[in-house]
Amino acid sequence: MRRLSPLTLFVLSAFGWILALTAAWSVVSAWTSYPVGVLSHMALEQGAPMWVRQVRLSPGAMEVDTAISVPVAQAGGRRGEVSIEVRPAHYAYGLPIFLALVLAARGKGRLTRAVGGYVLLLPFQAFSLTMSALMQMVLAAQTDIRLLRVAQWQMEAIIYGYQWGSLVVPTLAPILLWLWMDRQFVSDVLVRGWRGALPVAPS
């Protein structure tokens, strides 16, 4: 029986670890993502003080009371200030992906890399969460730059930041971080495995 190549073993192991760790992470994500909310809280208060009145953070949720007032339907023309809620764990699912890659690569120092990766991923996850909160405010104001009191380019920057933060960063950041932290394994196993799988050109 032919033995599986190191590259194949890594792929199968990583897939199995992702399934197992994602299931475990879904149970504790409210707590592991709490620091993400703390960083986002700080970013919102420092970066958008003209919009943010108060941020309330609890495990699993972050509520933002804003200074953005919009007309309230069936309220006689009165206006109400917008409140939004975002979930820090919604953009923190890259953690089990990163941990799965670290465990599948084996080798020494896995605990150190796991802890270091968790800390290094927090700013990326906070960026995604912050952009999601800002995007909700923009949508609540119906993208009215006069109501938001911002320039057109600032609103477009929020929209592009939200797209990157929701579609690209949560998945790409953990993979790139692992490639950097486990670059010796990548060079010895993955690169050599890919080269070995390439068809040999006829002479």
N, C-alpha and C. Protein backbone atom coordinates (compact mmCIF):
# COMPACT_ATOMS: atom_id res chain seq x y z
N MET A 1 0.84 -1.19 0.00
CA MET A 1 0.00 0.00 0.00
C MET A 1 0.88 1.25 0.00
N ARG A 2 0.61 2.17 -0.88
CA ARG A 2 1.42 3.37 -1.01
C ARG A 2 1.17 4.33 0.15
N ARG A 3 2.27 4.83 0.73
CA ARG A 3 2.15 5.76 1.84
C ARG A 3 1.73 7.14 1.32
N LEU A 4 0.97 7.83 2.15
CA LEU A 4 0.55 9.17 1.79
C LEU A 4 1.73 10.13 1.90
N SER A 5 1.79 11.08 1.00
CA SER A 5 2.87 12.07 1.02
C SER A 5 2.68 13.03 2.19
N PRO A 6 3.77 13.67 2.65
CA PRO A 6 3.63 14.66 3.74
C PRO A 6 2.64 15.77 3.40
N LEU A 7 2.60 16.17 2.13
CA LEU A 7 1.66 17.21 1.73
C LEU A 7 0.22 16.73 1.88
N THR A 8 -0.06 15.51 1.47
CA THR A 8 -1.41 14.96 1.59
C THR A 8 -1.80 14.81 3.05
N LEU A 9 -0.86 14.33 3.87
CA LEU A 9 -1.13 14.18 5.30
C LEU A 9 -1.44 15.53 5.94
N PHE A 10 -0.71 16.54 5.52
CA PHE A 10 -0.95 17.88 6.07
C PHE A 10 -2.34 18.38 5.70
N VAL A 11 -2.72 18.22 4.44
CA VAL A 11 -4.03 18.70 3.98
C VAL A 11 -5.15 17.99 4.73
N LEU A 12 -5.06 16.66 4.85
CA LEU A 12 -6.10 15.90 5.55
C LEU A 12 -6.15 16.27 7.03
N SER A 13 -4.96 16.41 7.63
CA SER A 13 -4.91 16.78 9.05
C SER A 13 -5.48 18.17 9.28
N ALA A 14 -5.13 19.13 8.41
CA ALA A 14 -5.62 20.49 8.56
C ALA A 14 -7.14 20.53 8.43
N PHE A 15 -7.68 19.79 7.47
CA PHE A 15 -9.13 19.76 7.29
C PHE A 15 -9.82 19.20 8.53
N GLY A 16 -9.27 18.12 9.08
CA GLY A 16 -9.87 17.53 10.28
C GLY A 16 -9.79 18.47 11.48
N TRP A 17 -8.64 19.12 11.64
CA TRP A 17 -8.49 20.06 12.75
C TRP A 17 -9.43 21.26 12.60
N ILE A 18 -9.63 21.74 11.39
CA ILE A 18 -10.54 22.87 11.17
C ILE A 18 -11.95 22.51 11.62
N LEU A 19 -12.41 21.32 11.26
CA LEU A 19 -13.75 20.90 11.67
C LEU A 19 -13.87 20.81 13.19
N ALA A 20 -12.86 20.18 13.82
CA ALA A 20 -12.91 19.99 15.26
C ALA A 20 -12.80 21.31 16.01
N LEU A 21 -11.84 22.15 15.59
CA LEU A 21 -11.61 23.40 16.30
C LEU A 21 -12.73 24.41 16.08
N THR A 22 -13.34 24.39 14.91
CA THR A 22 -14.46 25.29 14.66
C THR A 22 -15.64 24.94 15.56
N ALA A 23 -15.87 23.65 15.74
CA ALA A 23 -16.94 23.22 16.65
C ALA A 23 -16.65 23.66 18.08
N ALA A 24 -15.39 23.51 18.51
CA ALA A 24 -15.02 23.92 19.87
C ALA A 24 -15.06 25.45 20.00
N TRP A 25 -14.59 26.13 18.96
CA TRP A 25 -14.55 27.60 19.00
C TRP A 25 -15.95 28.19 19.08
N SER A 26 -16.93 27.57 18.44
CA SER A 26 -18.29 28.09 18.47
C SER A 26 -18.86 28.13 19.88
N VAL A 27 -18.32 27.29 20.77
CA VAL A 27 -18.78 27.25 22.15
C VAL A 27 -18.16 28.38 22.98
N VAL A 28 -16.88 28.67 22.70
CA VAL A 28 -16.15 29.64 23.53
C VAL A 28 -15.89 30.96 22.81
N SER A 29 -16.43 31.13 21.61
CA SER A 29 -16.10 32.30 20.80
C SER A 29 -16.49 33.62 21.47
N ALA A 30 -17.56 33.61 22.26
CA ALA A 30 -17.97 34.85 22.92
C ALA A 30 -16.87 35.37 23.84
N TRP A 31 -16.08 34.46 24.42
CA TRP A 31 -15.02 34.86 25.34
C TRP A 31 -13.70 35.08 24.61
N THR A 32 -13.37 34.20 23.65
CA THR A 32 -12.09 34.37 22.94
C THR A 32 -12.09 35.63 22.07
N SER A 33 -13.27 36.07 21.65
CA SER A 33 -13.35 37.27 20.82
C SER A 33 -13.61 38.54 21.64
N TYR A 34 -13.68 38.43 22.95
CA TYR A 34 -13.93 39.61 23.78
C TYR A 34 -12.85 40.68 23.59
N PRO A 35 -11.56 40.30 23.53
CA PRO A 35 -10.53 41.34 23.26
C PRO A 35 -10.73 42.04 21.93
N VAL A 36 -11.32 41.36 20.95
CA VAL A 36 -11.62 42.00 19.67
C VAL A 36 -12.57 43.18 19.89
N GLY A 37 -13.59 42.94 20.71
CA GLY A 37 -14.53 44.00 21.04
C GLY A 37 -13.88 45.16 21.77
N VAL A 38 -12.93 44.85 22.65
CA VAL A 38 -12.22 45.90 23.39
C VAL A 38 -11.45 46.80 22.42
N LEU A 39 -10.72 46.19 21.49
CA LEU A 39 -9.95 46.97 20.51
C LEU A 39 -10.87 47.79 19.61
N SER A 40 -11.98 47.18 19.18
CA SER A 40 -12.93 47.90 18.33
C SER A 40 -13.58 49.05 19.09
N HIS A 41 -13.89 48.81 20.34
CA HIS A 41 -14.44 49.86 21.21
C HIS A 41 -13.52 51.07 21.22
N MET A 42 -12.23 50.84 21.43
CA MET A 42 -11.25 51.92 21.46
C MET A 42 -11.17 52.62 20.10
N ALA A 43 -11.18 51.83 19.02
CA ALA A 43 -11.07 52.41 17.68
C ALA A 43 -12.27 53.29 17.35
N LEU A 44 -13.47 52.85 17.73
CA LEU A 44 -14.67 53.63 17.44
C LEU A 44 -14.69 54.94 18.22
N GLU A 45 -14.33 54.88 19.48
CA GLU A 45 -14.36 56.10 20.30
C GLU A 45 -13.28 57.09 19.86
N GLN A 46 -12.13 56.58 19.44
CA GLN A 46 -11.04 57.48 19.02
C GLN A 46 -11.17 57.91 17.56
N GLY A 47 -11.68 57.00 16.71
CA GLY A 47 -11.72 57.28 15.28
C GLY A 47 -13.00 57.92 14.78
N ALA A 48 -14.10 57.75 15.51
CA ALA A 48 -15.38 58.32 15.06
C ALA A 48 -16.13 58.96 16.23
N PRO A 49 -15.48 59.91 16.93
CA PRO A 49 -16.15 60.51 18.09
C PRO A 49 -17.38 61.32 17.72
N MET A 50 -17.47 61.77 16.45
CA MET A 50 -18.63 62.56 16.04
C MET A 50 -19.86 61.68 15.85
N TRP A 51 -19.68 60.38 15.77
CA TRP A 51 -20.80 59.46 15.60
C TRP A 51 -21.13 58.69 16.87
N VAL A 52 -20.13 58.37 17.66
CA VAL A 52 -20.29 57.43 18.76
C VAL A 52 -20.51 58.16 20.08
N ARG A 53 -21.61 57.85 20.73
CA ARG A 53 -21.89 58.39 22.07
C ARG A 53 -21.39 57.44 23.15
N GLN A 54 -21.74 56.19 23.02
CA GLN A 54 -21.39 55.23 24.07
C GLN A 54 -21.29 53.84 23.45
N VAL A 55 -20.34 53.05 23.94
CA VAL A 55 -20.17 51.66 23.51
C VAL A 55 -20.32 50.77 24.73
N ARG A 56 -21.20 49.79 24.64
CA ARG A 56 -21.39 48.82 25.72
C ARG A 56 -20.94 47.45 25.22
N LEU A 57 -20.02 46.88 25.94
CA LEU A 57 -19.42 45.61 25.51
C LEU A 57 -19.72 44.52 26.51
N SER A 58 -20.13 43.37 26.00
CA SER A 58 -20.35 42.19 26.83
C SER A 58 -19.89 40.97 26.04
N PRO A 59 -19.63 39.85 26.69
CA PRO A 59 -19.21 38.66 25.94
C PRO A 59 -20.23 38.30 24.87
N GLY A 60 -19.81 38.36 23.61
CA GLY A 60 -20.69 37.98 22.52
C GLY A 60 -21.36 39.11 21.79
N ALA A 61 -21.34 40.34 22.34
CA ALA A 61 -22.06 41.44 21.69
C ALA A 61 -21.43 42.77 22.04
N MET A 62 -21.55 43.71 21.11
CA MET A 62 -21.12 45.08 21.34
C MET A 62 -22.22 46.01 20.83
N GLU A 63 -22.77 46.83 21.71
CA GLU A 63 -23.83 47.77 21.36
C GLU A 63 -23.24 49.18 21.30
N VAL A 64 -23.62 49.91 20.26
CA VAL A 64 -23.11 51.26 20.05
C VAL A 64 -24.28 52.22 19.97
N ASP A 65 -24.32 53.19 20.90
CA ASP A 65 -25.28 54.29 20.82
C ASP A 65 -24.63 55.42 20.04
N THR A 66 -25.27 55.84 18.96
CA THR A 66 -24.68 56.83 18.08
C THR A 66 -25.36 58.18 18.21
N ALA A 67 -24.70 59.19 17.64
CA ALA A 67 -25.26 60.54 17.59
C ALA A 67 -25.93 60.80 16.25
N ILE A 68 -26.12 59.77 15.45
CA ILE A 68 -26.75 59.90 14.14
C ILE A 68 -28.26 59.85 14.32
N SER A 69 -28.93 60.92 13.98
CA SER A 69 -30.38 60.96 14.14
C SER A 69 -31.05 60.84 12.77
N VAL A 70 -32.08 60.02 12.72
CA VAL A 70 -32.82 59.78 11.48
C VAL A 70 -34.31 59.95 11.77
N PRO A 71 -35.09 60.28 10.74
CA PRO A 71 -36.54 60.39 10.94
C PRO A 71 -37.15 59.05 11.36
N VAL A 72 -38.06 59.09 12.30
CA VAL A 72 -38.73 57.89 12.78
C VAL A 72 -40.08 57.77 12.10
N ALA A 73 -40.30 56.66 11.45
CA ALA A 73 -41.57 56.45 10.75
C ALA A 73 -42.74 56.48 11.74
N GLN A 74 -43.82 57.14 11.32
CA GLN A 74 -45.05 57.24 12.11
C GLN A 74 -44.80 57.87 13.48
N ALA A 75 -43.90 58.86 13.51
CA ALA A 75 -43.62 59.55 14.78
C ALA A 75 -43.78 61.05 14.63
N GLY A 76 -44.59 61.46 13.65
CA GLY A 76 -44.87 62.88 13.49
C GLY A 76 -43.68 63.71 13.12
N GLY A 77 -42.77 63.15 12.35
CA GLY A 77 -41.61 63.91 11.92
C GLY A 77 -40.49 63.99 12.92
N ARG A 78 -40.67 63.37 14.07
CA ARG A 78 -39.61 63.41 15.05
C ARG A 78 -38.45 62.52 14.62
N ARG A 79 -37.28 62.78 15.20
CA ARG A 79 -36.08 62.05 14.85
C ARG A 79 -35.59 61.26 16.04
N GLY A 80 -34.92 60.16 15.75
CA GLY A 80 -34.36 59.32 16.81
C GLY A 80 -32.92 58.97 16.50
N GLU A 81 -32.15 58.81 17.54
CA GLU A 81 -30.75 58.46 17.36
C GLU A 81 -30.62 56.95 17.18
N VAL A 82 -29.69 56.58 16.31
CA VAL A 82 -29.52 55.18 15.90
C VAL A 82 -28.66 54.43 16.92
N SER A 83 -29.07 53.22 17.24
CA SER A 83 -28.25 52.30 18.02
C SER A 83 -28.03 51.05 17.19
N ILE A 84 -26.83 50.52 17.23
CA ILE A 84 -26.52 49.32 16.45
C ILE A 84 -25.91 48.27 17.36
N GLU A 85 -25.91 47.03 16.88
CA GLU A 85 -25.29 45.93 17.62
C GLU A 85 -24.48 45.09 16.65
N VAL A 86 -23.27 44.76 17.04
CA VAL A 86 -22.41 43.88 16.25
C VAL A 86 -21.87 42.79 17.17
N ARG A 87 -21.49 41.67 16.56
CA ARG A 87 -20.99 40.53 17.32
C ARG A 87 -19.51 40.32 17.01
N PRO A 88 -18.63 40.48 18.01
CA PRO A 88 -17.20 40.33 17.77
C PRO A 88 -16.80 38.99 17.16
N ALA A 89 -17.48 37.92 17.53
CA ALA A 89 -17.11 36.61 17.02
C ALA A 89 -17.42 36.44 15.54
N HIS A 90 -18.26 37.30 15.00
CA HIS A 90 -18.67 37.16 13.60
C HIS A 90 -17.49 37.26 12.65
N TYR A 91 -16.47 38.01 13.05
CA TYR A 91 -15.30 38.18 12.19
C TYR A 91 -14.04 37.57 12.80
N ALA A 92 -14.20 36.71 13.80
CA ALA A 92 -13.06 36.11 14.48
C ALA A 92 -12.91 34.62 14.18
N TYR A 93 -13.59 34.15 13.15
CA TYR A 93 -13.53 32.71 12.84
C TYR A 93 -12.20 32.29 12.23
N GLY A 94 -11.32 33.24 11.97
CA GLY A 94 -9.99 32.89 11.47
C GLY A 94 -9.13 32.20 12.51
N LEU A 95 -9.47 32.36 13.79
CA LEU A 95 -8.68 31.73 14.85
C LEU A 95 -8.62 30.21 14.73
N PRO A 96 -9.76 29.50 14.61
CA PRO A 96 -9.66 28.04 14.44
C PRO A 96 -8.94 27.64 13.16
N ILE A 97 -9.02 28.45 12.11
CA ILE A 97 -8.28 28.15 10.88
C ILE A 97 -6.79 28.21 11.15
N PHE A 98 -6.35 29.26 11.82
CA PHE A 98 -4.93 29.40 12.13
C PHE A 98 -4.45 28.27 13.03
N LEU A 99 -5.20 27.98 14.10
CA LEU A 99 -4.79 26.91 15.01
C LEU A 99 -4.74 25.56 14.32
N ALA A 100 -5.68 25.32 13.40
CA ALA A 100 -5.68 24.05 12.67
C ALA A 100 -4.42 23.90 11.83
N LEU A 101 -4.00 24.97 11.18
CA LEU A 101 -2.78 24.92 10.37
C LEU A 101 -1.55 24.69 11.24
N VAL A 102 -1.52 25.34 12.40
CA VAL A 102 -0.39 25.15 13.31
C VAL A 102 -0.31 23.71 13.79
N LEU A 103 -1.43 23.13 14.19
CA LEU A 103 -1.45 21.75 14.68
C LEU A 103 -1.16 20.76 13.56
N ALA A 104 -1.66 21.02 12.37
CA ALA A 104 -1.42 20.10 11.26
C ALA A 104 0.04 20.10 10.83
N ALA A 105 0.73 21.22 11.03
CA ALA A 105 2.14 21.31 10.66
C ALA A 105 3.05 20.60 11.66
N ARG A 106 2.53 20.31 12.83
CA ARG A 106 3.30 19.66 13.89
C ARG A 106 4.54 20.48 14.22
N GLY A 107 5.61 19.82 14.58
CA GLY A 107 6.84 20.54 14.91
C GLY A 107 6.83 21.10 16.32
N LYS A 108 7.99 21.62 16.72
CA LYS A 108 8.15 22.18 18.06
C LYS A 108 7.61 23.61 18.11
N GLY A 109 7.32 24.04 19.33
CA GLY A 109 6.89 25.41 19.55
C GLY A 109 5.48 25.70 19.10
N ARG A 110 4.64 24.68 19.00
CA ARG A 110 3.28 24.92 18.53
C ARG A 110 2.48 25.79 19.51
N LEU A 111 2.70 25.57 20.81
CA LEU A 111 1.95 26.36 21.80
C LEU A 111 2.33 27.83 21.69
N THR A 112 3.62 28.10 21.53
CA THR A 112 4.07 29.49 21.40
C THR A 112 3.49 30.15 20.16
N ARG A 113 3.50 29.42 19.05
CA ARG A 113 2.93 29.96 17.82
C ARG A 113 1.42 30.17 17.94
N ALA A 114 0.76 29.25 18.62
CA ALA A 114 -0.70 29.37 18.78
C ALA A 114 -1.06 30.61 19.59
N VAL A 115 -0.36 30.82 20.70
CA VAL A 115 -0.64 32.00 21.54
C VAL A 115 -0.26 33.28 20.79
N GLY A 116 0.91 33.26 20.15
CA GLY A 116 1.34 34.43 19.39
C GLY A 116 0.39 34.75 18.26
N GLY A 117 -0.08 33.74 17.56
CA GLY A 117 -1.02 33.96 16.48
C GLY A 117 -2.34 34.52 16.96
N TYR A 118 -2.81 34.03 18.10
CA TYR A 118 -4.06 34.55 18.66
C TYR A 118 -3.96 36.05 18.92
N VAL A 119 -2.84 36.46 19.50
CA VAL A 119 -2.64 37.88 19.81
C VAL A 119 -2.50 38.70 18.52
N LEU A 120 -1.74 38.20 17.56
CA LEU A 120 -1.49 38.95 16.33
C LEU A 120 -2.74 39.06 15.45
N LEU A 121 -3.67 38.13 15.60
CA LEU A 121 -4.90 38.18 14.80
C LEU A 121 -5.90 39.21 15.33
N LEU A 122 -5.76 39.57 16.59
CA LEU A 122 -6.76 40.47 17.21
C LEU A 122 -6.92 41.79 16.46
N PRO A 123 -5.83 42.49 16.06
CA PRO A 123 -6.04 43.76 15.35
C PRO A 123 -6.78 43.60 14.02
N PHE A 124 -6.51 42.50 13.31
CA PHE A 124 -7.20 42.27 12.04
C PHE A 124 -8.69 42.03 12.27
N GLN A 125 -9.00 41.25 13.30
CA GLN A 125 -10.40 40.98 13.61
C GLN A 125 -11.11 42.25 14.09
N ALA A 126 -10.39 43.08 14.86
CA ALA A 126 -10.96 44.34 15.33
C ALA A 126 -11.22 45.28 14.16
N PHE A 127 -10.35 45.27 13.16
CA PHE A 127 -10.58 46.08 11.96
C PHE A 127 -11.88 45.68 11.28
N SER A 128 -12.09 44.37 11.11
CA SER A 128 -13.32 43.89 10.47
C SER A 128 -14.55 44.28 11.27
N LEU A 129 -14.47 44.13 12.58
CA LEU A 129 -15.61 44.47 13.44
C LEU A 129 -15.90 45.96 13.40
N THR A 130 -14.86 46.78 13.44
CA THR A 130 -15.04 48.23 13.41
C THR A 130 -15.66 48.68 12.09
N MET A 131 -15.18 48.12 10.98
CA MET A 131 -15.73 48.47 9.68
C MET A 131 -17.20 48.04 9.58
N SER A 132 -17.55 46.92 10.18
CA SER A 132 -18.94 46.47 10.17
C SER A 132 -19.82 47.45 10.94
N ALA A 133 -19.33 47.91 12.09
CA ALA A 133 -20.10 48.87 12.88
C ALA A 133 -20.27 50.19 12.13
N LEU A 134 -19.20 50.68 11.52
CA LEU A 134 -19.28 51.93 10.77
C LEU A 134 -20.22 51.80 9.57
N MET A 135 -20.18 50.63 8.92
CA MET A 135 -21.04 50.42 7.77
C MET A 135 -22.51 50.42 8.19
N GLN A 136 -22.81 49.85 9.33
CA GLN A 136 -24.19 49.88 9.81
C GLN A 136 -24.65 51.32 10.05
N MET A 137 -23.76 52.16 10.55
CA MET A 137 -24.11 53.57 10.76
C MET A 137 -24.36 54.27 9.43
N VAL A 138 -23.52 53.99 8.45
CA VAL A 138 -23.69 54.59 7.12
C VAL A 138 -25.02 54.17 6.52
N LEU A 139 -25.37 52.90 6.64
CA LEU A 139 -26.63 52.41 6.09
C LEU A 139 -27.82 52.99 6.84
N ALA A 140 -27.68 53.15 8.16
CA ALA A 140 -28.78 53.73 8.94
C ALA A 140 -29.05 55.16 8.51
N ALA A 141 -28.00 55.86 8.10
CA ALA A 141 -28.16 57.23 7.62
C ALA A 141 -28.45 57.29 6.13
N GLN A 142 -28.68 56.12 5.52
CA GLN A 142 -29.00 56.02 4.09
C GLN A 142 -27.93 56.69 3.22
N THR A 143 -26.68 56.49 3.64
CA THR A 143 -25.49 57.01 2.92
C THR A 143 -25.59 58.50 2.62
N ASP A 144 -26.24 59.24 3.48
CA ASP A 144 -26.38 60.69 3.31
C ASP A 144 -25.16 61.37 3.94
N ILE A 145 -24.25 61.89 3.12
CA ILE A 145 -23.02 62.47 3.66
C ILE A 145 -23.29 63.74 4.46
N ARG A 146 -24.37 64.43 4.17
CA ARG A 146 -24.71 65.63 4.95
C ARG A 146 -25.16 65.23 6.35
N LEU A 147 -25.93 64.17 6.43
CA LEU A 147 -26.36 63.69 7.74
C LEU A 147 -25.19 63.11 8.52
N LEU A 148 -24.29 62.43 7.82
CA LEU A 148 -23.14 61.82 8.47
C LEU A 148 -22.04 62.83 8.77
N ARG A 149 -22.06 63.96 8.11
CA ARG A 149 -21.07 65.01 8.29
C ARG A 149 -19.66 64.53 7.95
N VAL A 150 -19.56 63.85 6.79
CA VAL A 150 -18.27 63.39 6.31
C VAL A 150 -18.16 63.71 4.82
N ALA A 151 -16.95 63.65 4.30
CA ALA A 151 -16.73 63.84 2.87
C ALA A 151 -17.07 62.57 2.11
N GLN A 152 -17.27 62.70 0.81
CA GLN A 152 -17.62 61.55 -0.01
C GLN A 152 -16.55 60.49 0.05
N TRP A 153 -15.27 60.89 0.00
CA TRP A 153 -14.20 59.91 0.02
C TRP A 153 -14.13 59.14 1.34
N GLN A 154 -14.53 59.79 2.43
CA GLN A 154 -14.54 59.10 3.72
C GLN A 154 -15.60 58.01 3.76
N MET A 155 -16.78 58.31 3.21
CA MET A 155 -17.83 57.30 3.16
C MET A 155 -17.42 56.14 2.25
N GLU A 156 -16.79 56.44 1.11
CA GLU A 156 -16.33 55.39 0.21
C GLU A 156 -15.24 54.55 0.86
N ALA A 157 -14.38 55.18 1.67
CA ALA A 157 -13.35 54.43 2.38
C ALA A 157 -13.97 53.44 3.36
N ILE A 158 -15.04 53.85 4.02
CA ILE A 158 -15.73 52.95 4.94
C ILE A 158 -16.34 51.77 4.18
N ILE A 159 -16.94 52.05 3.03
CA ILE A 159 -17.56 50.99 2.24
C ILE A 159 -16.51 49.98 1.77
N TYR A 160 -15.38 50.48 1.25
CA TYR A 160 -14.32 49.58 0.80
C TYR A 160 -13.69 48.83 1.99
N GLY A 161 -13.53 49.56 3.09
CA GLY A 161 -12.99 48.90 4.28
C GLY A 161 -13.89 47.79 4.78
N TYR A 162 -15.20 48.03 4.71
CA TYR A 162 -16.15 46.99 5.11
C TYR A 162 -16.07 45.77 4.20
N GLN A 163 -15.94 46.01 2.89
CA GLN A 163 -15.84 44.89 1.96
C GLN A 163 -14.60 44.06 2.24
N TRP A 164 -13.47 44.71 2.45
CA TRP A 164 -12.24 43.99 2.77
C TRP A 164 -12.37 43.28 4.12
N GLY A 165 -12.94 44.00 5.09
CA GLY A 165 -13.04 43.44 6.42
C GLY A 165 -13.98 42.27 6.55
N SER A 166 -14.97 42.22 5.68
CA SER A 166 -15.95 41.13 5.77
C SER A 166 -15.65 39.98 4.81
N LEU A 167 -15.04 40.27 3.68
CA LEU A 167 -14.85 39.24 2.65
C LEU A 167 -13.43 38.69 2.57
N VAL A 168 -12.44 39.50 2.90
CA VAL A 168 -11.05 39.11 2.67
C VAL A 168 -10.27 38.87 3.96
N VAL A 169 -10.26 39.85 4.84
CA VAL A 169 -9.39 39.81 6.01
C VAL A 169 -9.64 38.62 6.93
N PRO A 170 -10.89 38.27 7.28
CA PRO A 170 -11.09 37.19 8.25
C PRO A 170 -10.49 35.85 7.82
N THR A 171 -10.45 35.57 6.52
CA THR A 171 -9.90 34.30 6.05
C THR A 171 -8.44 34.42 5.65
N LEU A 172 -8.08 35.52 5.01
CA LEU A 172 -6.72 35.67 4.49
C LEU A 172 -5.70 35.91 5.60
N ALA A 173 -6.05 36.70 6.60
CA ALA A 173 -5.11 37.05 7.67
C ALA A 173 -4.56 35.82 8.39
N PRO A 174 -5.39 34.87 8.84
CA PRO A 174 -4.83 33.70 9.53
C PRO A 174 -3.94 32.85 8.64
N ILE A 175 -4.27 32.74 7.37
CA ILE A 175 -3.45 31.94 6.46
C ILE A 175 -2.09 32.59 6.24
N LEU A 176 -2.08 33.90 5.96
CA LEU A 176 -0.82 34.61 5.76
C LEU A 176 0.02 34.61 7.03
N LEU A 177 -0.62 34.76 8.18
CA LEU A 177 0.11 34.73 9.44
C LEU A 177 0.75 33.37 9.66
N TRP A 178 0.02 32.30 9.37
CA TRP A 178 0.59 30.95 9.52
C TRP A 178 1.74 30.73 8.54
N LEU A 179 1.58 31.16 7.31
CA LEU A 179 2.66 31.01 6.33
C LEU A 179 3.93 31.69 6.80
N TRP A 180 3.80 32.81 7.48
CA TRP A 180 4.96 33.54 7.98
C TRP A 180 5.55 32.85 9.21
N MET A 181 4.70 32.42 10.13
CA MET A 181 5.19 31.83 11.38
C MET A 181 5.73 30.41 11.18
N ASP A 182 5.20 29.68 10.20
CA ASP A 182 5.63 28.30 9.93
C ASP A 182 6.34 28.21 8.60
N ARG A 183 7.12 29.24 8.24
CA ARG A 183 7.72 29.29 6.91
C ARG A 183 8.71 28.17 6.65
N GLN A 184 9.36 27.64 7.73
CA GLN A 184 10.28 26.52 7.52
C GLN A 184 9.51 25.28 7.08
N PHE A 185 8.38 25.02 7.72
CA PHE A 185 7.55 23.89 7.33
C PHE A 185 7.01 24.10 5.91
N VAL A 186 6.59 25.30 5.62
CA VAL A 186 6.08 25.60 4.28
C VAL A 186 7.13 25.31 3.22
N SER A 187 8.37 25.71 3.50
CA SER A 187 9.45 25.48 2.55
C SER A 187 9.79 24.00 2.42
N ASP A 188 9.87 23.30 3.56
CA ASP A 188 10.31 21.90 3.55
C ASP A 188 9.25 20.94 3.05
N VAL A 189 7.98 21.21 3.34
CA VAL A 189 6.91 20.25 3.03
C VAL A 189 6.03 20.73 1.88
N LEU A 190 5.47 21.90 2.03
CA LEU A 190 4.49 22.34 1.03
C LEU A 190 5.14 22.65 -0.32
N VAL A 191 6.18 23.47 -0.30
CA VAL A 191 6.82 23.84 -1.57
C VAL A 191 7.41 22.62 -2.25
N ARG A 192 8.11 21.78 -1.50
CA ARG A 192 8.69 20.57 -2.09
C ARG A 192 7.61 19.61 -2.58
N GLY A 193 6.51 19.54 -1.81
CA GLY A 193 5.42 18.67 -2.22
C GLY A 193 4.78 19.12 -3.51
N TRP A 194 4.56 20.44 -3.64
CA TRP A 194 3.99 20.96 -4.88
C TRP A 194 4.93 20.74 -6.06
N ARG A 195 6.23 20.94 -5.82
CA ARG A 195 7.19 20.74 -6.90
C ARG A 195 7.23 19.27 -7.32
N GLY A 196 7.13 18.38 -6.35
CA GLY A 196 7.15 16.97 -6.67
C GLY A 196 5.89 16.51 -7.39
N ALA A 197 4.79 17.25 -7.20
CA ALA A 197 3.53 16.87 -7.85
C ALA A 197 3.45 17.39 -9.28
N LEU A 198 4.35 18.30 -9.64
CA LEU A 198 4.30 18.85 -10.99
C LEU A 198 4.77 17.81 -11.99
N PRO A 199 4.12 17.71 -13.15
CA PRO A 199 4.55 16.74 -14.17
C PRO A 199 5.93 17.12 -14.72
N VAL A 200 6.71 16.10 -14.97
CA VAL A 200 8.05 16.30 -15.50
C VAL A 200 7.97 16.52 -17.01
N ALA A 201 8.57 17.62 -17.46
CA ALA A 201 8.53 17.92 -18.90
C ALA A 201 9.40 16.91 -19.66
N PRO A 202 8.92 16.43 -20.81
CA PRO A 202 9.69 15.47 -21.58
C PRO A 202 10.98 16.11 -22.10
N SER A 203 12.05 15.35 -22.08
CA SER A 203 13.35 15.87 -22.54
C SER A 203 13.47 15.74 -24.05
